[in-house]
Amino acid sequence: MHLRPGRAMGLHQALALCVDHCDAAGLTGDGSWFKTVVLAGGSACLPGLAERLEKELHDYLPSSICNGIRVIPPPCGVDTAWHGAKLISNLSTFPGPWCITRKQLPRKSRLMW
C-alpha cells in the first residue's frame, strides 16, 4: 500500500489495508469473516458508494484476497447506527461489558470530555 507524500489515505485504501492485515493474521482458514463490509451512517447512503468501493477493492487487492469481498450499503439507510445501538441496548447484558464509566477510561485517552 503506497501513498504519495502529503496525501490522505482513501477509503478503499484504508479498507484494503485492514483486509490485508486480517488475511495476513490467518485467524481463520477461509478468511470469509472479514470479507463482508457493511457500511453505516449518512455518508454511506451516497448513491453507488457500495458498488464503487467493492470495485476499487477488487482492483486494489490481489485476487487471492479479494475473492468473495462484498460491500453492503446500510440496510436501514442513515438510521443504521441508531438501529444497532437500539439492539445492543435491549440485550440483557447491557450495559455490562458494553460500556465503561468515566473513571475506567485511561487517563491518557485521546477522547476529550
N, C-alpha and C. Protein backbone atom coordinates (compact mmCIF):
# COMPACT_ATOMS: atom_id res chain seq x y z
N MET A 1 0.83 -1.15 0.00
CA MET A 1 0.00 0.00 0.00
C MET A 1 0.90 1.24 0.00
N HIS A 2 0.89 1.97 -1.07
CA HIS A 2 1.75 3.14 -1.18
C HIS A 2 0.91 4.40 -1.31
N LEU A 3 1.29 5.42 -0.55
CA LEU A 3 0.62 6.71 -0.62
C LEU A 3 1.63 7.76 -1.02
N ARG A 4 1.17 8.73 -1.77
CA ARG A 4 2.04 9.84 -2.11
C ARG A 4 2.20 10.73 -0.88
N PRO A 5 3.38 11.32 -0.69
CA PRO A 5 3.59 12.21 0.46
C PRO A 5 2.56 13.33 0.49
N GLY A 6 2.06 13.63 1.69
CA GLY A 6 1.10 14.71 1.84
C GLY A 6 -0.31 14.36 1.45
N ARG A 7 -0.57 13.12 1.13
CA ARG A 7 -1.91 12.70 0.70
C ARG A 7 -2.55 11.84 1.79
N ALA A 8 -3.83 12.04 1.99
CA ALA A 8 -4.57 11.22 2.93
C ALA A 8 -4.93 9.90 2.27
N MET A 9 -5.08 8.88 3.07
CA MET A 9 -5.46 7.56 2.57
C MET A 9 -6.92 7.59 2.16
N GLY A 10 -7.22 7.03 1.00
CA GLY A 10 -8.60 6.93 0.55
C GLY A 10 -9.33 5.83 1.29
N LEU A 11 -10.65 5.87 1.24
CA LEU A 11 -11.46 4.88 1.92
C LEU A 11 -11.12 3.48 1.45
N HIS A 12 -10.99 3.29 0.13
CA HIS A 12 -10.67 1.96 -0.39
C HIS A 12 -9.28 1.51 0.07
N GLN A 13 -8.34 2.44 0.21
CA GLN A 13 -7.00 2.08 0.67
C GLN A 13 -7.02 1.68 2.14
N ALA A 14 -7.75 2.43 2.96
CA ALA A 14 -7.84 2.10 4.39
C ALA A 14 -8.50 0.74 4.58
N LEU A 15 -9.57 0.50 3.85
CA LEU A 15 -10.26 -0.78 3.96
C LEU A 15 -9.40 -1.92 3.43
N ALA A 16 -8.70 -1.68 2.33
CA ALA A 16 -7.81 -2.71 1.77
C ALA A 16 -6.70 -3.05 2.76
N LEU A 17 -6.18 -2.04 3.46
CA LEU A 17 -5.14 -2.27 4.45
C LEU A 17 -5.66 -3.15 5.59
N CYS A 18 -6.89 -2.89 6.04
CA CYS A 18 -7.50 -3.71 7.09
C CYS A 18 -7.70 -5.15 6.62
N VAL A 19 -8.23 -5.31 5.41
CA VAL A 19 -8.46 -6.64 4.86
C VAL A 19 -7.14 -7.38 4.72
N ASP A 20 -6.12 -6.69 4.24
CA ASP A 20 -4.80 -7.29 4.07
C ASP A 20 -4.23 -7.75 5.41
N HIS A 21 -4.39 -6.93 6.45
CA HIS A 21 -3.88 -7.31 7.77
C HIS A 21 -4.65 -8.50 8.33
N CYS A 22 -5.96 -8.52 8.13
CA CYS A 22 -6.76 -9.65 8.59
C CYS A 22 -6.34 -10.93 7.89
N ASP A 23 -6.12 -10.84 6.59
CA ASP A 23 -5.69 -12.00 5.82
C ASP A 23 -4.32 -12.48 6.30
N ALA A 24 -3.40 -11.54 6.52
CA ALA A 24 -2.04 -11.90 6.94
C ALA A 24 -2.03 -12.53 8.33
N ALA A 25 -3.00 -12.14 9.18
CA ALA A 25 -3.05 -12.68 10.54
C ALA A 25 -3.44 -14.15 10.53
N GLY A 26 -4.13 -14.60 9.46
CA GLY A 26 -4.50 -16.01 9.34
C GLY A 26 -5.37 -16.50 10.48
N LEU A 27 -6.29 -15.69 10.91
CA LEU A 27 -7.12 -16.05 12.06
C LEU A 27 -8.11 -17.16 11.75
N THR A 28 -8.53 -17.26 10.51
CA THR A 28 -9.42 -18.35 10.12
C THR A 28 -8.89 -18.98 8.84
N GLY A 29 -9.29 -20.18 8.60
CA GLY A 29 -8.79 -20.89 7.42
C GLY A 29 -9.24 -20.29 6.11
N ASP A 30 -10.51 -19.89 6.03
CA ASP A 30 -11.02 -19.41 4.74
C ASP A 30 -11.05 -17.89 4.63
N GLY A 31 -10.88 -17.17 5.73
CA GLY A 31 -10.85 -15.72 5.68
C GLY A 31 -12.17 -15.06 5.37
N SER A 32 -13.26 -15.81 5.40
CA SER A 32 -14.55 -15.25 5.00
C SER A 32 -15.12 -14.26 6.00
N TRP A 33 -14.71 -14.31 7.25
CA TRP A 33 -15.31 -13.46 8.27
C TRP A 33 -15.03 -11.98 8.06
N PHE A 34 -13.97 -11.62 7.38
CA PHE A 34 -13.66 -10.20 7.18
C PHE A 34 -13.98 -9.74 5.76
N LYS A 35 -14.62 -10.57 4.98
CA LYS A 35 -14.87 -10.22 3.58
C LYS A 35 -16.26 -9.64 3.33
N THR A 36 -17.01 -9.39 4.37
CA THR A 36 -18.29 -8.71 4.22
C THR A 36 -18.18 -7.38 4.94
N VAL A 37 -18.29 -6.30 4.18
CA VAL A 37 -18.17 -4.95 4.72
C VAL A 37 -19.57 -4.33 4.71
N VAL A 38 -20.05 -3.95 5.88
CA VAL A 38 -21.36 -3.32 5.98
C VAL A 38 -21.15 -1.84 6.28
N LEU A 39 -21.58 -1.00 5.38
CA LEU A 39 -21.44 0.44 5.56
C LEU A 39 -22.54 0.94 6.50
N ALA A 40 -22.24 2.02 7.23
CA ALA A 40 -23.23 2.60 8.13
C ALA A 40 -23.06 4.11 8.15
N GLY A 41 -24.15 4.80 8.46
CA GLY A 41 -24.11 6.25 8.58
C GLY A 41 -24.60 6.95 7.34
N GLY A 42 -24.78 8.25 7.46
CA GLY A 42 -25.34 9.05 6.39
C GLY A 42 -24.52 9.05 5.12
N SER A 43 -23.20 9.20 5.23
CA SER A 43 -22.36 9.24 4.03
C SER A 43 -22.36 7.91 3.28
N ALA A 44 -22.60 6.83 4.01
CA ALA A 44 -22.64 5.51 3.38
C ALA A 44 -23.84 5.35 2.46
N CYS A 45 -24.80 6.26 2.56
CA CYS A 45 -26.00 6.20 1.72
C CYS A 45 -25.81 6.90 0.38
N LEU A 46 -24.62 7.42 0.12
CA LEU A 46 -24.39 8.07 -1.17
C LEU A 46 -24.63 7.06 -2.29
N PRO A 47 -25.38 7.45 -3.30
CA PRO A 47 -25.70 6.52 -4.39
C PRO A 47 -24.45 5.96 -5.05
N GLY A 48 -24.36 4.64 -5.14
CA GLY A 48 -23.26 3.97 -5.82
C GLY A 48 -22.01 3.77 -4.99
N LEU A 49 -21.99 4.25 -3.73
CA LEU A 49 -20.78 4.13 -2.91
C LEU A 49 -20.39 2.67 -2.69
N ALA A 50 -21.34 1.83 -2.32
CA ALA A 50 -21.04 0.43 -2.03
C ALA A 50 -20.47 -0.27 -3.26
N GLU A 51 -21.09 -0.05 -4.40
CA GLU A 51 -20.63 -0.69 -5.65
C GLU A 51 -19.22 -0.20 -6.03
N ARG A 52 -19.00 1.11 -5.90
CA ARG A 52 -17.69 1.66 -6.27
C ARG A 52 -16.61 1.16 -5.33
N LEU A 53 -16.90 1.14 -4.03
CA LEU A 53 -15.93 0.67 -3.06
C LEU A 53 -15.58 -0.79 -3.30
N GLU A 54 -16.58 -1.60 -3.59
CA GLU A 54 -16.33 -3.01 -3.88
C GLU A 54 -15.45 -3.17 -5.12
N LYS A 55 -15.75 -2.41 -6.17
CA LYS A 55 -14.95 -2.46 -7.40
C LYS A 55 -13.51 -2.02 -7.13
N GLU A 56 -13.33 -0.94 -6.36
CA GLU A 56 -11.99 -0.45 -6.07
C GLU A 56 -11.20 -1.45 -5.23
N LEU A 57 -11.87 -2.14 -4.32
CA LEU A 57 -11.18 -3.17 -3.54
C LEU A 57 -10.73 -4.32 -4.44
N HIS A 58 -11.57 -4.71 -5.38
CA HIS A 58 -11.20 -5.78 -6.31
C HIS A 58 -10.05 -5.36 -7.20
N ASP A 59 -10.00 -4.07 -7.56
CA ASP A 59 -8.89 -3.57 -8.38
C ASP A 59 -7.61 -3.39 -7.58
N TYR A 60 -7.74 -3.10 -6.30
CA TYR A 60 -6.60 -2.73 -5.46
C TYR A 60 -5.92 -3.92 -4.81
N LEU A 61 -6.69 -4.93 -4.42
CA LEU A 61 -6.15 -6.09 -3.71
C LEU A 61 -5.82 -7.23 -4.66
N PRO A 62 -4.88 -8.08 -4.28
CA PRO A 62 -4.62 -9.27 -5.10
C PRO A 62 -5.85 -10.18 -5.13
N SER A 63 -6.03 -10.89 -6.23
CA SER A 63 -7.23 -11.72 -6.38
C SER A 63 -7.33 -12.80 -5.30
N SER A 64 -6.20 -13.24 -4.78
CA SER A 64 -6.24 -14.27 -3.73
C SER A 64 -6.92 -13.75 -2.46
N ILE A 65 -6.90 -12.44 -2.26
CA ILE A 65 -7.52 -11.86 -1.07
C ILE A 65 -8.91 -11.33 -1.38
N CYS A 66 -9.09 -10.71 -2.54
CA CYS A 66 -10.36 -10.00 -2.80
C CYS A 66 -11.49 -10.91 -3.25
N ASN A 67 -11.22 -12.16 -3.59
CA ASN A 67 -12.31 -13.05 -3.98
C ASN A 67 -13.30 -13.20 -2.82
N GLY A 68 -14.55 -12.91 -3.09
CA GLY A 68 -15.58 -13.06 -2.07
C GLY A 68 -15.88 -11.80 -1.28
N ILE A 69 -15.13 -10.72 -1.50
CA ILE A 69 -15.41 -9.47 -0.78
C ILE A 69 -16.72 -8.88 -1.27
N ARG A 70 -17.57 -8.50 -0.31
CA ARG A 70 -18.84 -7.85 -0.63
C ARG A 70 -18.95 -6.60 0.22
N VAL A 71 -19.42 -5.51 -0.39
CA VAL A 71 -19.68 -4.28 0.34
C VAL A 71 -21.18 -4.06 0.30
N ILE A 72 -21.78 -3.95 1.46
CA ILE A 72 -23.23 -3.85 1.58
C ILE A 72 -23.61 -2.45 2.05
N PRO A 73 -24.53 -1.80 1.34
CA PRO A 73 -24.98 -0.47 1.79
C PRO A 73 -25.78 -0.59 3.08
N PRO A 74 -25.97 0.52 3.78
CA PRO A 74 -26.70 0.46 5.05
C PRO A 74 -28.10 -0.11 4.87
N PRO A 75 -28.43 -1.19 5.58
CA PRO A 75 -29.75 -1.80 5.43
C PRO A 75 -30.90 -0.90 5.90
N CYS A 76 -30.62 0.00 6.84
CA CYS A 76 -31.67 0.88 7.35
C CYS A 76 -31.39 2.33 6.96
N GLY A 77 -30.63 2.54 5.91
CA GLY A 77 -30.31 3.90 5.49
C GLY A 77 -29.48 4.63 6.52
N VAL A 78 -29.75 5.92 6.69
CA VAL A 78 -28.96 6.73 7.61
C VAL A 78 -29.20 6.35 9.07
N ASP A 79 -30.21 5.55 9.35
CA ASP A 79 -30.53 5.17 10.73
C ASP A 79 -29.88 3.86 11.16
N THR A 80 -28.98 3.31 10.36
CA THR A 80 -28.37 2.02 10.68
C THR A 80 -27.67 2.02 12.03
N ALA A 81 -26.87 3.06 12.30
CA ALA A 81 -26.14 3.12 13.57
C ALA A 81 -27.13 3.18 14.74
N TRP A 82 -28.20 3.93 14.57
CA TRP A 82 -29.21 4.03 15.63
C TRP A 82 -29.87 2.67 15.87
N HIS A 83 -30.20 1.95 14.81
CA HIS A 83 -30.81 0.62 14.96
C HIS A 83 -29.86 -0.34 15.66
N GLY A 84 -28.58 -0.28 15.34
CA GLY A 84 -27.60 -1.13 16.02
C GLY A 84 -27.51 -0.82 17.50
N ALA A 85 -27.48 0.47 17.85
CA ALA A 85 -27.44 0.86 19.25
C ALA A 85 -28.70 0.41 19.98
N LYS A 86 -29.83 0.49 19.30
CA LYS A 86 -31.10 0.05 19.90
C LYS A 86 -31.05 -1.45 20.21
N LEU A 87 -30.52 -2.24 19.28
CA LEU A 87 -30.42 -3.68 19.51
C LEU A 87 -29.52 -4.00 20.70
N ILE A 88 -28.37 -3.33 20.77
CA ILE A 88 -27.43 -3.58 21.87
C ILE A 88 -28.05 -3.16 23.20
N SER A 89 -28.71 -2.02 23.23
CA SER A 89 -29.29 -1.52 24.49
C SER A 89 -30.41 -2.43 25.01
N ASN A 90 -31.02 -3.23 24.14
CA ASN A 90 -32.08 -4.13 24.57
C ASN A 90 -31.58 -5.49 25.02
N LEU A 91 -30.28 -5.73 24.94
CA LEU A 91 -29.72 -7.00 25.40
C LEU A 91 -29.76 -7.09 26.92
N SER A 92 -29.94 -8.29 27.43
CA SER A 92 -29.99 -8.46 28.89
C SER A 92 -28.64 -8.16 29.54
N THR A 93 -27.55 -8.22 28.77
CA THR A 93 -26.22 -7.96 29.31
C THR A 93 -25.82 -6.49 29.25
N PHE A 94 -26.71 -5.64 28.73
CA PHE A 94 -26.39 -4.22 28.63
C PHE A 94 -26.67 -3.55 29.95
N PRO A 95 -25.84 -2.65 30.47
CA PRO A 95 -24.62 -2.10 29.90
C PRO A 95 -23.39 -2.95 30.15
N GLY A 96 -23.38 -3.80 31.15
CA GLY A 96 -22.29 -4.73 31.45
C GLY A 96 -21.01 -4.54 30.67
N PRO A 97 -20.64 -5.52 29.81
CA PRO A 97 -19.36 -5.46 29.11
C PRO A 97 -19.34 -4.43 27.97
N TRP A 98 -20.48 -3.84 27.64
CA TRP A 98 -20.55 -2.93 26.50
C TRP A 98 -20.09 -1.52 26.84
N CYS A 99 -20.13 -1.15 28.11
CA CYS A 99 -19.87 0.23 28.49
C CYS A 99 -18.80 0.31 29.58
N ILE A 100 -18.14 1.45 29.63
CA ILE A 100 -17.22 1.72 30.72
C ILE A 100 -17.62 3.07 31.32
N THR A 101 -17.25 3.27 32.56
CA THR A 101 -17.52 4.54 33.20
C THR A 101 -16.39 5.51 32.91
N ARG A 102 -16.61 6.76 33.24
CA ARG A 102 -15.57 7.76 33.02
C ARG A 102 -14.33 7.44 33.85
N LYS A 103 -14.52 6.89 35.05
CA LYS A 103 -13.39 6.53 35.92
C LYS A 103 -12.56 5.39 35.32
N GLN A 104 -13.20 4.50 34.56
CA GLN A 104 -12.50 3.36 33.97
C GLN A 104 -11.70 3.74 32.73
N LEU A 105 -11.98 4.90 32.16
CA LEU A 105 -11.31 5.35 30.96
C LEU A 105 -9.86 5.71 31.29
N PRO A 106 -8.88 5.20 30.54
CA PRO A 106 -7.48 5.53 30.82
C PRO A 106 -7.26 7.04 30.79
N ARG A 107 -6.40 7.53 31.67
CA ARG A 107 -6.14 8.96 31.77
C ARG A 107 -5.59 9.55 30.48
N LYS A 108 -4.78 8.82 29.77
CA LYS A 108 -4.16 9.35 28.55
C LYS A 108 -4.97 9.05 27.31
N SER A 109 -6.26 8.97 27.49
CA SER A 109 -7.13 8.68 26.36
C SER A 109 -7.15 9.85 25.39
N ARG A 110 -7.41 9.57 24.14
CA ARG A 110 -7.50 10.60 23.13
C ARG A 110 -8.86 11.30 23.13
N LEU A 111 -9.79 10.74 23.87
CA LEU A 111 -11.12 11.33 23.93
C LEU A 111 -11.10 12.62 24.72
N MET A 112 -11.88 13.59 24.29
CA MET A 112 -11.99 14.86 25.00
C MET A 112 -13.32 14.87 25.76
N TRP A 113 -13.29 15.31 27.02
CA TRP A 113 -14.52 15.40 27.82
C TRP A 113 -14.87 16.83 28.03
